[in-house]
Amino acid sequence: MIVSPSKVRQLALDTAKTCRPTAKFQRVSKDFIDAIEAHTRAAIVARVKSHPSKGVTLK
């Protein structure tokens, strides 16, 4: 896993509390965490593919 499920869960619940205070979210599903993992992997792949081929450091 690239992302920490416990950190994703905490951030999602904290964000929900701030952005949607009337909603009473208390849990985060495995599907939600898996989707975040997939989006993170896709973002990394996209950044690497769009990076110029010169140098030795990904910026």
PDB file of N, CA and C in Angstrom:
ATOM      1  N   MET A   1       0.833  -1.186   0.000  1.00  0.00           N
ATOM      2  CA  MET A   1       0.000   0.000   0.000  1.00  0.00           C
ATOM      3  C   MET A   1       0.874   1.244   0.000  1.00  0.00           C
ATOM      4  N   ILE A   2       0.463   2.206  -0.768  1.00  0.00           N
ATOM      5  CA  ILE A   2       1.177   3.475  -0.830  1.00  0.00           C
ATOM      6  C   ILE A   2       0.727   4.386   0.306  1.00  0.00           C
ATOM      7  N   VAL A   3      -0.570   4.406   0.541  1.00  0.00           N
ATOM      8  CA  VAL A   3      -1.114   5.294   1.572  1.00  0.00           C
ATOM      9  C   VAL A   3      -1.465   4.493   2.823  1.00  0.00           C
ATOM     10  N   SER A   4      -1.415   5.160   3.947  1.00  0.00           N
ATOM     11  CA  SER A   4      -1.756   4.532   5.213  1.00  0.00           C
ATOM     12  C   SER A   4      -3.279   4.582   5.400  1.00  0.00           C
ATOM     13  N   PRO A   5      -3.940   3.441   5.469  1.00  0.00           N
ATOM     14  CA  PRO A   5      -5.391   3.446   5.632  1.00  0.00           C
ATOM     15  C   PRO A   5      -5.870   4.231   6.850  1.00  0.00           C
ATOM     16  N   SER A   6      -5.130   4.161   7.946  1.00  0.00           N
ATOM     17  CA  SER A   6      -5.564   4.886   9.140  1.00  0.00           C
ATOM     18  C   SER A   6      -5.461   6.396   8.932  1.00  0.00           C
ATOM     19  N   LYS A   7      -4.429   6.844   8.217  1.00  0.00           N
ATOM     20  CA  LYS A   7      -4.280   8.273   7.935  1.00  0.00           C
ATOM     21  C   LYS A   7      -5.361   8.747   6.958  1.00  0.00           C
ATOM     22  N   VAL A   8      -5.666   7.932   5.949  1.00  0.00           N
ATOM     23  CA  VAL A   8      -6.728   8.274   4.995  1.00  0.00           C
ATOM     24  C   VAL A   8      -8.061   8.372   5.729  1.00  0.00           C
ATOM     25  N   ARG A   9      -8.323   7.397   6.572  1.00  0.00           N
ATOM     26  CA  ARG A   9      -9.578   7.375   7.339  1.00  0.00           C
ATOM     27  C   ARG A   9      -9.709   8.627   8.212  1.00  0.00           C
ATOM     28  N   GLN A  10      -8.640   8.967   8.928  1.00  0.00           N
ATOM     29  CA  GLN A  10      -8.680  10.133   9.813  1.00  0.00           C
ATOM     30  C   GLN A  10      -8.862  11.424   9.026  1.00  0.00           C
ATOM     31  N   LEU A  11      -8.130  11.576   7.929  1.00  0.00           N
ATOM     32  CA  LEU A  11      -8.250  12.784   7.110  1.00  0.00           C
ATOM     33  C   LEU A  11      -9.650  12.899   6.507  1.00  0.00           C
ATOM     34  N   ALA A  12     -10.193  11.793   6.032  1.00  0.00           N
ATOM     35  CA  ALA A  12     -11.538  11.811   5.451  1.00  0.00           C
ATOM     36  C   ALA A  12     -12.583  12.214   6.488  1.00  0.00           C
ATOM     37  N   LEU A  13     -12.502  11.652   7.677  1.00  0.00           N
ATOM     38  CA  LEU A  13     -13.472  11.988   8.724  1.00  0.00           C
ATOM     39  C   LEU A  13     -13.302  13.427   9.218  1.00  0.00           C
ATOM     40  N   ASP A  14     -12.064  13.879   9.337  1.00  0.00           N
ATOM     41  CA  ASP A  14     -11.814  15.270   9.741  1.00  0.00           C
ATOM     42  C   ASP A  14     -12.325  16.239   8.679  1.00  0.00           C
ATOM     43  N   THR A  15     -12.089  15.915   7.425  1.00  0.00           N
ATOM     44  CA  THR A  15     -12.557  16.760   6.324  1.00  0.00           C
ATOM     45  C   THR A  15     -14.073  16.788   6.271  1.00  0.00           C
ATOM     46  N   ALA A  16     -14.693  15.636   6.460  1.00  0.00           N
ATOM     47  CA  ALA A  16     -16.161  15.574   6.463  1.00  0.00           C
ATOM     48  C   ALA A  16     -16.735  16.417   7.599  1.00  0.00           C
ATOM     49  N   LYS A  17     -16.084  16.368   8.742  1.00  0.00           N
ATOM     50  CA  LYS A  17     -16.557  17.138   9.895  1.00  0.00           C
ATOM     51  C   LYS A  17     -16.481  18.643   9.618  1.00  0.00           C
ATOM     52  N   THR A  18     -15.420  19.056   8.930  1.00  0.00           N
ATOM     53  CA  THR A  18     -15.226  20.473   8.621  1.00  0.00           C
ATOM     54  C   THR A  18     -16.108  20.942   7.467  1.00  0.00           C
ATOM     55  N   CYS A  19     -16.135  20.164   6.394  1.00  0.00           N
ATOM     56  CA  CYS A  19     -16.838  20.577   5.173  1.00  0.00           C
ATOM     57  C   CYS A  19     -18.329  20.277   5.190  1.00  0.00           C
ATOM     58  N   ARG A  20     -18.725  19.263   5.915  1.00  0.00           N
ATOM     59  CA  ARG A  20     -20.131  18.857   5.958  1.00  0.00           C
ATOM     60  C   ARG A  20     -20.541  18.597   7.402  1.00  0.00           C
ATOM     61  N   PRO A  21     -20.611  19.646   8.214  1.00  0.00           N
ATOM     62  CA  PRO A  21     -20.845  19.479   9.657  1.00  0.00           C
ATOM     63  C   PRO A  21     -22.194  18.855  10.015  1.00  0.00           C
ATOM     64  N   THR A  22     -23.169  18.942   9.122  1.00  0.00           N
ATOM     65  CA  THR A  22     -24.473  18.346   9.448  1.00  0.00           C
ATOM     66  C   THR A  22     -24.497  16.844   9.207  1.00  0.00           C
ATOM     67  N   ALA A  23     -23.557  16.335   8.389  1.00  0.00           N
ATOM     68  CA  ALA A  23     -23.475  14.895   8.138  1.00  0.00           C
ATOM     69  C   ALA A  23     -22.778  14.244   9.328  1.00  0.00           C
ATOM     70  N   LYS A  24     -23.200  13.079   9.700  1.00  0.00           N
ATOM     71  CA  LYS A  24     -22.652  12.393  10.879  1.00  0.00           C
ATOM     72  C   LYS A  24     -21.815  11.171  10.486  1.00  0.00           C
ATOM     73  N   PHE A  25     -20.855  11.404   9.592  1.00  0.00           N
ATOM     74  CA  PHE A  25     -20.005  10.296   9.166  1.00  0.00           C
ATOM     75  C   PHE A  25     -19.148   9.819  10.329  1.00  0.00           C
ATOM     76  N   GLN A  26     -19.090   8.502  10.507  1.00  0.00           N
ATOM     77  CA  GLN A  26     -18.279   7.919  11.571  1.00  0.00           C
ATOM     78  C   GLN A  26     -17.346   6.823  11.073  1.00  0.00           C
ATOM     79  N   ARG A  27     -17.607   6.346   9.853  1.00  0.00           N
ATOM     80  CA  ARG A  27     -16.805   5.256   9.315  1.00  0.00           C
ATOM     81  C   ARG A  27     -16.375   5.564   7.895  1.00  0.00           C
ATOM     82  N   VAL A  28     -15.323   4.897   7.445  1.00  0.00           N
ATOM     83  CA  VAL A  28     -14.834   5.014   6.076  1.00  0.00           C
ATOM     84  C   VAL A  28     -14.728   3.596   5.523  1.00  0.00           C
ATOM     85  N   SER A  29     -15.334   3.360   4.371  1.00  0.00           N
ATOM     86  CA  SER A  29     -15.357   2.011   3.810  1.00  0.00           C
ATOM     87  C   SER A  29     -14.023   1.640   3.178  1.00  0.00           C
ATOM     88  N   LYS A  30     -13.815   0.340   3.027  1.00  0.00           N
ATOM     89  CA  LYS A  30     -12.626  -0.167   2.357  1.00  0.00           C
ATOM     90  C   LYS A  30     -12.619   0.296   0.905  1.00  0.00           C
ATOM     91  N   ASP A  31     -13.796   0.377   0.275  1.00  0.00           N
ATOM     92  CA  ASP A  31     -13.887   0.852  -1.104  1.00  0.00           C
ATOM     93  C   ASP A  31     -13.373   2.296  -1.229  1.00  0.00           C
ATOM     94  N   PHE A  32     -13.703   3.138  -0.249  1.00  0.00           N
ATOM     95  CA  PHE A  32     -13.229   4.525  -0.247  1.00  0.00           C
ATOM     96  C   PHE A  32     -11.700   4.558  -0.184  1.00  0.00           C
ATOM     97  N   ILE A  33     -11.133   3.791   0.731  1.00  0.00           N
ATOM     98  CA  ILE A  33      -9.675   3.749   0.889  1.00  0.00           C
ATOM     99  C   ILE A  33      -9.013   3.175  -0.360  1.00  0.00           C
ATOM    100  N   ASP A  34      -9.610   2.139  -0.947  1.00  0.00           N
ATOM    101  CA  ASP A  34      -9.077   1.555  -2.184  1.00  0.00           C
ATOM    102  C   ASP A  34      -9.110   2.565  -3.323  1.00  0.00           C
ATOM    103  N   ALA A  35     -10.159   3.382  -3.398  1.00  0.00           N
ATOM    104  CA  ALA A  35     -10.265   4.409  -4.439  1.00  0.00           C
ATOM    105  C   ALA A  35      -9.177   5.465  -4.266  1.00  0.00           C
ATOM    106  N   ILE A  36      -8.914   5.859  -3.028  1.00  0.00           N
ATOM    107  CA  ILE A  36      -7.852   6.823  -2.758  1.00  0.00           C
ATOM    108  C   ILE A  36      -6.498   6.229  -3.159  1.00  0.00           C
ATOM    109  N   GLU A  37      -6.295   4.968  -2.847  1.00  0.00           N
ATOM    110  CA  GLU A  37      -5.065   4.274  -3.236  1.00  0.00           C
ATOM    111  C   GLU A  37      -4.908   4.272  -4.756  1.00  0.00           C
ATOM    112  N   ALA A  38      -5.969   3.958  -5.480  1.00  0.00           N
ATOM    113  CA  ALA A  38      -5.924   3.909  -6.940  1.00  0.00           C
ATOM    114  C   ALA A  38      -5.646   5.293  -7.527  1.00  0.00           C
ATOM    115  N   HIS A  39      -6.281   6.320  -6.984  1.00  0.00           N
ATOM    116  CA  HIS A  39      -6.056   7.692  -7.466  1.00  0.00           C
ATOM    117  C   HIS A  39      -4.607   8.123  -7.197  1.00  0.00           C
ATOM    118  N   THR A  40      -4.072   7.732  -6.064  1.00  0.00           N
ATOM    119  CA  THR A  40      -2.691   8.087  -5.723  1.00  0.00           C
ATOM    120  C   THR A  40      -1.715   7.412  -6.679  1.00  0.00           C
ATOM    121  N   ARG A  41      -1.934   6.132  -6.930  1.00  0.00           N
ATOM    122  CA  ARG A  41      -1.075   5.410  -7.880  1.00  0.00           C
ATOM    123  C   ARG A  41      -1.146   6.054  -9.263  1.00  0.00           C
ATOM    124  N   ALA A  42      -2.352   6.382  -9.717  1.00  0.00           N
ATOM    125  CA  ALA A  42      -2.530   6.988 -11.038  1.00  0.00           C
ATOM    126  C   ALA A  42      -1.841   8.350 -11.108  1.00  0.00           C
ATOM    127  N   ALA A  43      -1.934   9.132 -10.044  1.00  0.00           N
ATOM    128  CA  ALA A  43      -1.284  10.440 -10.018  1.00  0.00           C
ATOM    129  C   ALA A  43       0.230  10.305 -10.106  1.00  0.00           C
ATOM    130  N   ILE A  44       0.791   9.323  -9.403  1.00  0.00           N
ATOM    131  CA  ILE A  44       2.240   9.105  -9.436  1.00  0.00           C
ATOM    132  C   ILE A  44       2.679   8.680 -10.829  1.00  0.00           C
ATOM    133  N   VAL A  45       1.962   7.745 -11.423  1.00  0.00           N
ATOM    134  CA  VAL A  45       2.296   7.273 -12.769  1.00  0.00           C
ATOM    135  C   VAL A  45       2.219   8.428 -13.766  1.00  0.00           C
ATOM    136  N   ALA A  46       1.190   9.245 -13.679  1.00  0.00           N
ATOM    137  CA  ALA A  46       1.031  10.376 -14.588  1.00  0.00           C
ATOM    138  C   ALA A  46       2.171  11.373 -14.447  1.00  0.00           C
ATOM    139  N   ARG A  47       2.556  11.668 -13.198  1.00  0.00           N
ATOM    140  CA  ARG A  47       3.658  12.609 -12.969  1.00  0.00           C
ATOM    141  C   ARG A  47       4.970  12.061 -13.524  1.00  0.00           C
ATOM    142  N   VAL A  48       5.238  10.769 -13.322  1.00  0.00           N
ATOM    143  CA  VAL A  48       6.487  10.174 -13.820  1.00  0.00           C
ATOM    144  C   VAL A  48       6.496  10.183 -15.341  1.00  0.00           C
ATOM    145  N   LYS A  49       5.379   9.834 -15.958  1.00  0.00           N
ATOM    146  CA  LYS A  49       5.311   9.799 -17.423  1.00  0.00           C
ATOM    147  C   LYS A  49       5.447  11.189 -18.038  1.00  0.00           C
ATOM    148  N   SER A  50       4.984  12.216 -17.362  1.00  0.00           N
ATOM    149  CA  SER A  50       5.048  13.564 -17.926  1.00  0.00           C
ATOM    150  C   SER A  50       6.352  14.284 -17.582  1.00  0.00           C
ATOM    151  N   HIS A  51       7.189  13.675 -16.772  1.00  0.00           N
ATOM    152  CA  HIS A  51       8.450  14.285 -16.354  1.00  0.00           C
ATOM    153  C   HIS A  51       9.465  14.212 -17.492  1.00  0.00           C
ATOM    154  N   PRO A  52      10.231  15.290 -17.696  1.00  0.00           N
ATOM    155  CA  PRO A  52      11.269  15.241 -18.741  1.00  0.00           C
ATOM    156  C   PRO A  52      12.296  14.144 -18.466  1.00  0.00           C
ATOM    157  N   SER A  53      12.896  13.638 -19.510  1.00  0.00           N
ATOM    158  CA  SER A  53      13.839  12.531 -19.390  1.00  0.00           C
ATOM    159  C   SER A  53      15.247  12.962 -19.006  1.00  0.00           C
ATOM    160  N   LYS A  54      15.445  14.211 -18.671  1.00  0.00           N
ATOM    161  CA  LYS A  54      16.802  14.637 -18.294  1.00  0.00           C
ATOM    162  C   LYS A  54      16.926  14.708 -16.773  1.00  0.00           C
ATOM    163  N   GLY A  55      18.152  14.582 -16.316  1.00  0.00           N
ATOM    164  CA  GLY A  55      18.406  14.641 -14.888  1.00  0.00           C
ATOM    165  C   GLY A  55      18.185  13.307 -14.206  1.00  0.00           C
ATOM    166  N   VAL A  56      18.428  13.300 -12.884  1.00  0.00           N
ATOM    167  CA  VAL A  56      18.286  12.067 -12.115  1.00  0.00           C
ATOM    168  C   VAL A  56      17.255  12.198 -10.985  1.00  0.00           C
ATOM    169  N   THR A  57      16.644  13.389 -10.896  1.00  0.00           N
ATOM    170  CA  THR A  57      15.705  13.640  -9.804  1.00  0.00           C
ATOM    171  C   THR A  57      14.312  13.926 -10.376  1.00  0.00           C
ATOM    172  N   LEU A  58      13.329  13.233  -9.845  1.00  0.00           N
ATOM    173  CA  LEU A  58      11.947  13.558 -10.198  1.00  0.00           C
ATOM    174  C   LEU A  58      11.557  14.779  -9.393  1.00  0.00           C
ATOM    175  N   LYS A  59      11.095  15.814 -10.093  1.00  0.00           N
ATOM    176  CA  LYS A  59      10.717  17.051  -9.405  1.00  0.00           C
ATOM    177  C   LYS A  59       9.241  17.294  -9.552  1.00  0.00           C
TER     178      LYS A  59
END
